């Protein structure tokens, strides 16, 4: 996948018999390739940042669970104790 700008430059490079002119075309095409690569990297980084921000906002908008107050362990066990448990005695 070669952009139209670079394919036109390649044709000019082949047609030119002048060495300084060829070097100018080579430098220009290299500069365009570097700029295109930097633009792709910048767009990818921007998309990543936007996706992270949207995900963070989505997580913040969810209702938060209310934590129950932490009770004493013995109090909790007393609430869960079943009255049907009978104590066996050797009397």
N, C-alpha and C. Protein backbone atom coordinates (compact mmCIF):
# COMPACT_ATOMS: atom_id res chain seq x y z
N UNK A 1 0.84 -1.17 0.00
CA UNK A 1 0.00 0.00 0.00
C UNK A 1 0.89 1.24 0.00
N UNK A 2 1.05 1.83 -1.16
CA UNK A 2 1.90 3.01 -1.31
C UNK A 2 1.01 4.21 -1.58
N UNK A 3 1.13 5.27 -0.80
CA UNK A 3 0.33 6.46 -1.07
C UNK A 3 0.66 7.04 -2.44
N UNK A 4 -0.29 7.76 -3.02
CA UNK A 4 -0.13 8.32 -4.36
C UNK A 4 1.05 9.28 -4.43
N UNK A 5 1.30 10.00 -3.35
CA UNK A 5 2.41 10.96 -3.34
C UNK A 5 3.74 10.24 -3.53
N UNK A 6 3.90 9.12 -2.85
CA UNK A 6 5.16 8.39 -2.93
C UNK A 6 5.31 7.65 -4.25
N UNK A 7 4.22 7.18 -4.84
CA UNK A 7 4.33 6.51 -6.13
C UNK A 7 4.72 7.50 -7.22
N UNK A 8 4.20 8.72 -7.15
CA UNK A 8 4.59 9.76 -8.10
C UNK A 8 6.05 10.14 -7.93
N UNK A 9 6.51 10.16 -6.72
CA UNK A 9 7.92 10.47 -6.44
C UNK A 9 8.84 9.38 -7.00
N UNK A 10 8.40 8.14 -6.91
CA UNK A 10 9.20 7.04 -7.45
C UNK A 10 9.36 7.18 -8.96
N UNK A 11 8.29 7.61 -9.64
CA UNK A 11 8.39 7.82 -11.09
C UNK A 11 9.34 8.96 -11.42
N UNK A 12 9.26 10.04 -10.64
CA UNK A 12 10.17 11.16 -10.87
C UNK A 12 11.61 10.76 -10.62
N UNK A 13 11.81 9.92 -9.63
CA UNK A 13 13.15 9.45 -9.30
C UNK A 13 13.75 8.61 -10.42
N UNK A 14 12.92 7.77 -11.04
CA UNK A 14 13.40 6.94 -12.13
C UNK A 14 13.71 7.77 -13.38
N UNK A 15 12.90 8.79 -13.64
CA UNK A 15 13.08 9.59 -14.84
C UNK A 15 14.25 10.55 -14.74
N UNK A 16 14.58 10.96 -13.53
CA UNK A 16 15.62 11.96 -13.36
C UNK A 16 17.00 11.35 -13.57
N UNK A 17 17.78 11.99 -14.41
CA UNK A 17 19.14 11.52 -14.64
C UNK A 17 20.14 12.29 -13.79
N UNK A 18 19.67 13.32 -13.16
CA UNK A 18 20.53 14.20 -12.36
C UNK A 18 20.67 13.63 -10.94
N UNK A 19 21.89 13.42 -10.47
CA UNK A 19 22.12 12.83 -9.14
C UNK A 19 21.61 13.71 -7.99
N UNK A 20 21.85 15.04 -7.97
CA UNK A 20 21.29 15.86 -6.88
C UNK A 20 19.76 15.85 -6.87
N UNK A 21 19.17 15.79 -8.05
CA UNK A 21 17.71 15.73 -8.14
C UNK A 21 17.20 14.40 -7.57
N UNK A 22 17.89 13.31 -7.86
CA UNK A 22 17.50 12.00 -7.31
C UNK A 22 17.61 11.99 -5.79
N UNK A 23 18.68 12.57 -5.30
CA UNK A 23 18.86 12.62 -3.84
C UNK A 23 17.75 13.44 -3.19
N UNK A 24 17.34 14.52 -3.82
CA UNK A 24 16.24 15.34 -3.30
C UNK A 24 14.95 14.54 -3.26
N UNK A 25 14.66 13.79 -4.31
CA UNK A 25 13.45 12.96 -4.34
C UNK A 25 13.51 11.86 -3.28
N UNK A 26 14.68 11.28 -3.09
CA UNK A 26 14.83 10.23 -2.05
C UNK A 26 14.58 10.81 -0.65
N UNK A 27 15.15 11.95 -0.39
CA UNK A 27 14.96 12.59 0.92
C UNK A 27 13.50 12.97 1.14
N UNK A 28 12.89 13.49 0.08
CA UNK A 28 11.49 13.90 0.21
C UNK A 28 10.59 12.70 0.47
N UNK A 29 10.81 11.60 -0.24
CA UNK A 29 9.99 10.40 -0.03
C UNK A 29 10.24 9.81 1.36
N UNK A 30 11.48 9.87 1.83
CA UNK A 30 11.77 9.38 3.19
C UNK A 30 11.07 10.24 4.22
N UNK A 31 11.08 11.54 4.01
CA UNK A 31 10.39 12.45 4.92
C UNK A 31 8.90 12.17 4.96
N UNK A 32 8.30 11.93 3.80
CA UNK A 32 6.86 11.63 3.74
C UNK A 32 6.55 10.32 4.46
N UNK A 33 7.38 9.31 4.28
CA UNK A 33 7.16 8.03 4.98
C UNK A 33 7.23 8.20 6.49
N UNK A 34 8.20 8.97 6.96
CA UNK A 34 8.33 9.21 8.40
C UNK A 34 7.13 9.99 8.93
N UNK A 35 6.68 10.98 8.19
CA UNK A 35 5.51 11.76 8.62
C UNK A 35 4.25 10.91 8.66
N UNK A 36 4.08 10.06 7.67
CA UNK A 36 2.91 9.18 7.67
C UNK A 36 2.97 8.22 8.85
N UNK A 37 4.13 7.67 9.12
CA UNK A 37 4.28 6.77 10.26
C UNK A 37 3.99 7.47 11.58
N UNK A 38 4.49 8.69 11.74
CA UNK A 38 4.23 9.45 12.97
C UNK A 38 2.74 9.77 13.12
N UNK A 39 2.08 10.08 12.01
CA UNK A 39 0.63 10.34 12.08
C UNK A 39 -0.14 9.10 12.50
N UNK A 40 0.24 7.96 11.97
CA UNK A 40 -0.43 6.71 12.35
C UNK A 40 -0.21 6.42 13.84
N UNK A 41 1.00 6.63 14.32
CA UNK A 41 1.28 6.40 15.74
C UNK A 41 0.50 7.37 16.61
N UNK A 42 0.43 8.64 16.20
CA UNK A 42 -0.30 9.64 16.98
C UNK A 42 -1.79 9.33 17.02
N UNK A 43 -2.36 8.93 15.92
CA UNK A 43 -3.79 8.60 15.88
C UNK A 43 -4.08 7.37 16.73
N UNK A 44 -3.20 6.37 16.69
CA UNK A 44 -3.38 5.17 17.51
C UNK A 44 -3.30 5.51 19.00
N UNK A 45 -2.34 6.35 19.37
CA UNK A 45 -2.20 6.74 20.78
C UNK A 45 -3.41 7.54 21.23
N UNK A 46 -3.90 8.43 20.39
CA UNK A 46 -5.08 9.23 20.74
C UNK A 46 -6.31 8.34 20.91
N UNK A 47 -6.47 7.37 20.02
CA UNK A 47 -7.60 6.44 20.14
C UNK A 47 -7.50 5.62 21.42
N UNK A 48 -6.30 5.21 21.79
CA UNK A 48 -6.11 4.46 23.03
C UNK A 48 -6.48 5.30 24.25
N UNK A 49 -6.04 6.57 24.26
CA UNK A 49 -6.33 7.45 25.38
C UNK A 49 -7.84 7.70 25.50
N UNK A 50 -8.50 7.93 24.37
CA UNK A 50 -9.94 8.17 24.39
C UNK A 50 -10.69 6.92 24.88
N UNK A 51 -10.27 5.75 24.44
CA UNK A 51 -10.92 4.51 24.89
C UNK A 51 -10.75 4.31 26.39
N UNK A 52 -9.56 4.60 26.91
CA UNK A 52 -9.33 4.46 28.36
C UNK A 52 -10.21 5.43 29.16
N UNK A 53 -10.32 6.68 28.68
CA UNK A 53 -11.15 7.66 29.38
C UNK A 53 -12.62 7.26 29.37
N UNK A 54 -13.10 6.77 28.24
CA UNK A 54 -14.49 6.34 28.17
C UNK A 54 -14.74 5.17 29.11
N UNK A 55 -13.81 4.24 29.18
CA UNK A 55 -13.97 3.09 30.07
C UNK A 55 -13.97 3.55 31.53
N UNK A 56 -13.11 4.50 31.86
CA UNK A 56 -13.07 5.01 33.23
C UNK A 56 -14.37 5.72 33.60
N UNK A 57 -14.90 6.51 32.67
CA UNK A 57 -16.17 7.20 32.94
C UNK A 57 -17.31 6.20 33.11
N UNK A 58 -17.29 5.14 32.29
CA UNK A 58 -18.33 4.13 32.40
C UNK A 58 -18.27 3.44 33.75
N UNK A 59 -17.05 3.17 34.23
CA UNK A 59 -16.90 2.51 35.53
C UNK A 59 -17.33 3.43 36.67
N UNK A 60 -17.06 4.73 36.53
CA UNK A 60 -17.45 5.68 37.58
C UNK A 60 -18.95 5.90 37.61
N UNK A 61 -19.64 5.75 36.50
CA UNK A 61 -21.08 6.00 36.46
C UNK A 61 -21.89 4.84 37.01
N UNK A 62 -21.28 3.66 37.14
CA UNK A 62 -21.99 2.52 37.71
C UNK A 62 -22.28 2.78 39.19
N UNK A 63 -23.44 2.33 39.66
CA UNK A 63 -23.72 2.51 41.09
C UNK A 63 -22.77 1.68 41.94
N UNK A 64 -22.27 2.30 42.98
CA UNK A 64 -21.32 1.61 43.85
C UNK A 64 -22.07 0.81 44.92
N UNK A 65 -21.50 -0.32 45.25
CA UNK A 65 -22.09 -1.15 46.30
C UNK A 65 -21.83 -0.51 47.66
N UNK A 66 -22.86 -0.51 48.47
CA UNK A 66 -22.69 0.02 49.82
C UNK A 66 -22.14 -1.09 50.71
N UNK A 67 -21.05 -0.83 51.33
CA UNK A 67 -20.45 -1.81 52.21
C UNK A 67 -21.18 -1.82 53.54
N UNK A 68 -21.50 -3.02 53.99
CA UNK A 68 -22.14 -3.16 55.29
C UNK A 68 -21.09 -2.90 56.37
N UNK A 69 -21.53 -2.30 57.46
CA UNK A 69 -20.56 -2.06 58.53
C UNK A 69 -20.00 -3.39 59.06
N UNK A 70 -18.74 -3.40 59.32
CA UNK A 70 -18.08 -4.61 59.81
C UNK A 70 -18.43 -4.79 61.28
N UNK A 71 -19.00 -5.95 61.56
CA UNK A 71 -19.41 -6.24 62.94
C UNK A 71 -18.37 -7.16 63.59
N UNK A 72 -18.53 -7.32 64.86
CA UNK A 72 -17.67 -8.23 65.61
C UNK A 72 -17.93 -9.67 65.15
N UNK A 73 -16.91 -10.49 65.12
CA UNK A 73 -17.05 -11.87 64.66
C UNK A 73 -18.02 -12.65 65.54
N UNK A 74 -18.01 -12.41 66.83
CA UNK A 74 -18.90 -13.14 67.73
C UNK A 74 -20.35 -12.70 67.51
N UNK A 75 -20.55 -11.44 67.21
CA UNK A 75 -21.91 -10.94 66.93
C UNK A 75 -22.44 -11.59 65.66
N UNK A 76 -21.61 -11.68 64.65
CA UNK A 76 -22.02 -12.30 63.39
C UNK A 76 -22.37 -13.77 63.59
N UNK A 77 -21.57 -14.48 64.37
CA UNK A 77 -21.85 -15.90 64.59
C UNK A 77 -23.13 -16.08 65.41
N UNK A 78 -23.40 -15.15 66.31
CA UNK A 78 -24.64 -15.21 67.08
C UNK A 78 -25.86 -15.01 66.20
N UNK A 79 -25.77 -14.15 65.19
CA UNK A 79 -26.89 -13.93 64.27
C UNK A 79 -27.16 -15.18 63.43
N UNK A 80 -26.12 -15.90 63.10
CA UNK A 80 -26.28 -17.05 62.22
C UNK A 80 -26.53 -18.35 62.97
N UNK A 81 -26.51 -18.30 64.27
CA UNK A 81 -26.69 -19.51 65.06
C UNK A 81 -28.11 -20.03 64.93
N UNK A 82 -28.21 -21.31 64.74
CA UNK A 82 -29.50 -21.95 64.57
C UNK A 82 -29.99 -22.44 65.93
N UNK A 83 -31.24 -22.19 66.24
CA UNK A 83 -31.80 -22.60 67.53
C UNK A 83 -32.08 -24.09 67.59
N UNK A 84 -32.06 -24.75 66.48
CA UNK A 84 -32.38 -26.18 66.47
C UNK A 84 -31.20 -27.03 66.96
N UNK A 85 -30.06 -26.44 67.14
CA UNK A 85 -28.92 -27.20 67.63
C UNK A 85 -29.12 -27.46 69.12
N UNK A 86 -29.01 -28.70 69.47
CA UNK A 86 -29.21 -29.07 70.88
C UNK A 86 -27.86 -29.49 71.46
N UNK A 87 -27.71 -29.17 72.69
CA UNK A 87 -26.49 -29.54 73.39
C UNK A 87 -26.71 -30.91 74.06
N UNK A 88 -25.79 -31.82 73.84
CA UNK A 88 -25.90 -33.14 74.45
C UNK A 88 -25.11 -33.13 75.76
N UNK A 89 -25.76 -33.64 76.78
CA UNK A 89 -25.12 -33.72 78.08
C UNK A 89 -25.05 -35.17 78.52
N UNK A 90 -24.10 -35.47 79.34
CA UNK A 90 -23.93 -36.82 79.85
C UNK A 90 -24.66 -37.03 81.18
N UNK A 91 -25.51 -36.15 81.57
CA UNK A 91 -26.21 -36.25 82.86
C UNK A 91 -27.10 -37.45 82.94
